[in-house]
Amino acid sequence: MRIKSKPSHLTVKGQITLPKIYRDALNWTSDTRLTFLAEADGIKIVAVADTKDAGELLVRRAGGIATSGLSTAEIIRLTRGED
């Protein structure tokens, strides 16, 4: 996505205003957490998923992956070496 806007100015506190055109295009709000990645030609600003949301997503994705068709009792017997 290439969108051109007016330049932002760095304040004495090191702050900038991200132009509205970018915030709207990326659906970023005041609640959006951002991180900054140093690149060879500048800085890349990336939205960061909330760790709680990321963890929940990981659990949802993993759900049902380790199905073996065995019952819990059968799995316990196998892991304990009981035959």
Protein backbone atom coordinates (compact mmCIF):
# COMPACT_ATOMS: atom_id res chain seq x y z
CA MET A 1 0.00 0.00 0.00
CA ARG A 2 1.46 3.35 -0.98
CA ILE A 3 -0.22 6.42 0.45
CA LYS A 4 1.45 9.81 0.43
CA SER A 5 0.81 12.32 3.20
CA LYS A 6 2.33 15.47 4.60
CA PRO A 7 5.50 14.91 6.63
CA SER A 8 5.16 14.62 10.39
CA HIS A 9 7.49 16.51 12.71
CA LEU A 10 9.30 15.03 15.67
CA THR A 11 8.49 16.92 18.88
CA VAL A 12 11.06 17.78 21.55
CA LYS A 13 9.71 14.76 23.48
CA GLY A 14 10.45 12.49 20.49
CA GLN A 15 6.79 12.05 19.55
CA ILE A 16 5.12 12.10 16.14
CA THR A 17 1.53 12.10 14.98
CA LEU A 18 0.73 9.23 12.67
CA PRO A 19 -1.33 10.80 9.87
CA LYS A 20 -5.03 9.95 9.90
CA ILE A 21 -4.85 8.62 6.36
CA TYR A 22 -2.55 5.80 7.58
CA ARG A 23 -4.50 5.14 10.78
CA ASP A 24 -7.71 4.81 8.77
CA ALA A 25 -6.14 2.63 6.06
CA LEU A 26 -4.77 0.22 8.68
CA ASN A 27 -7.78 0.42 11.04
CA TRP A 28 -5.49 1.55 13.86
CA THR A 29 -7.15 3.23 16.85
CA SER A 30 -5.89 4.76 20.07
CA ASP A 31 -5.99 1.21 21.55
CA THR A 32 -3.67 -0.23 18.89
CA ARG A 33 -0.27 -1.27 20.26
CA LEU A 34 2.63 -0.56 17.92
CA THR A 35 6.25 -1.63 17.75
CA PHE A 36 9.12 -0.14 15.78
CA LEU A 37 11.54 -2.20 13.67
CA ALA A 38 14.84 -0.72 12.48
CA GLU A 39 15.32 -1.26 8.73
CA ALA A 40 18.28 -0.33 6.52
CA ASP A 41 16.42 2.67 5.10
CA GLY A 42 14.33 3.76 8.09
CA ILE A 43 11.89 2.47 10.68
CA LYS A 44 8.95 0.16 10.10
CA ILE A 45 5.91 0.63 12.39
CA VAL A 46 3.97 -2.58 12.99
CA ALA A 47 0.81 -3.29 14.98
CA VAL A 48 1.35 -5.82 17.77
CA ALA A 49 -1.33 -8.30 18.74
CA ASP A 50 -2.22 -8.25 22.41
CA THR A 51 -0.42 -11.18 24.05
CA LYS A 52 -3.66 -12.43 25.60
CA ASP A 53 -5.35 -12.41 22.19
CA ALA A 54 -2.32 -14.10 20.60
CA GLY A 55 -2.33 -16.83 23.25
CA GLU A 56 -6.02 -17.48 22.83
CA LEU A 57 -5.58 -17.65 19.06
CA LEU A 58 -2.74 -20.17 19.45
CA VAL A 59 -4.85 -22.37 21.72
CA ARG A 60 -7.78 -22.21 19.27
CA ARG A 61 -5.50 -23.14 16.36
CA ALA A 62 -3.98 -26.06 18.28
CA GLY A 63 -7.32 -27.45 19.40
CA GLY A 64 -7.90 -30.95 18.03
CA ILE A 65 -4.44 -31.24 16.44
CA ALA A 66 -3.19 -34.01 18.72
CA THR A 67 -6.06 -36.38 18.22
CA SER A 68 -4.89 -39.99 18.19
CA GLY A 69 -8.15 -41.84 18.54
CA LEU A 70 -6.98 -43.22 21.88
CA SER A 71 -8.78 -42.68 25.16
CA THR A 72 -7.11 -40.77 27.99
CA ALA A 73 -6.61 -44.01 29.92
CA GLU A 74 -4.92 -45.62 26.88
CA ILE A 75 -2.58 -42.63 26.44
CA ILE A 76 -1.63 -42.73 30.14
CA ARG A 77 -0.87 -46.47 29.93
CA LEU A 78 1.34 -45.86 26.85
CA THR A 79 3.25 -42.94 28.42
CA ARG A 80 3.82 -44.89 31.67
CA GLY A 81 4.92 -48.01 29.81
CA GLU A 82 2.02 -50.05 31.15
CA ASP A 83 0.79 -52.80 28.84
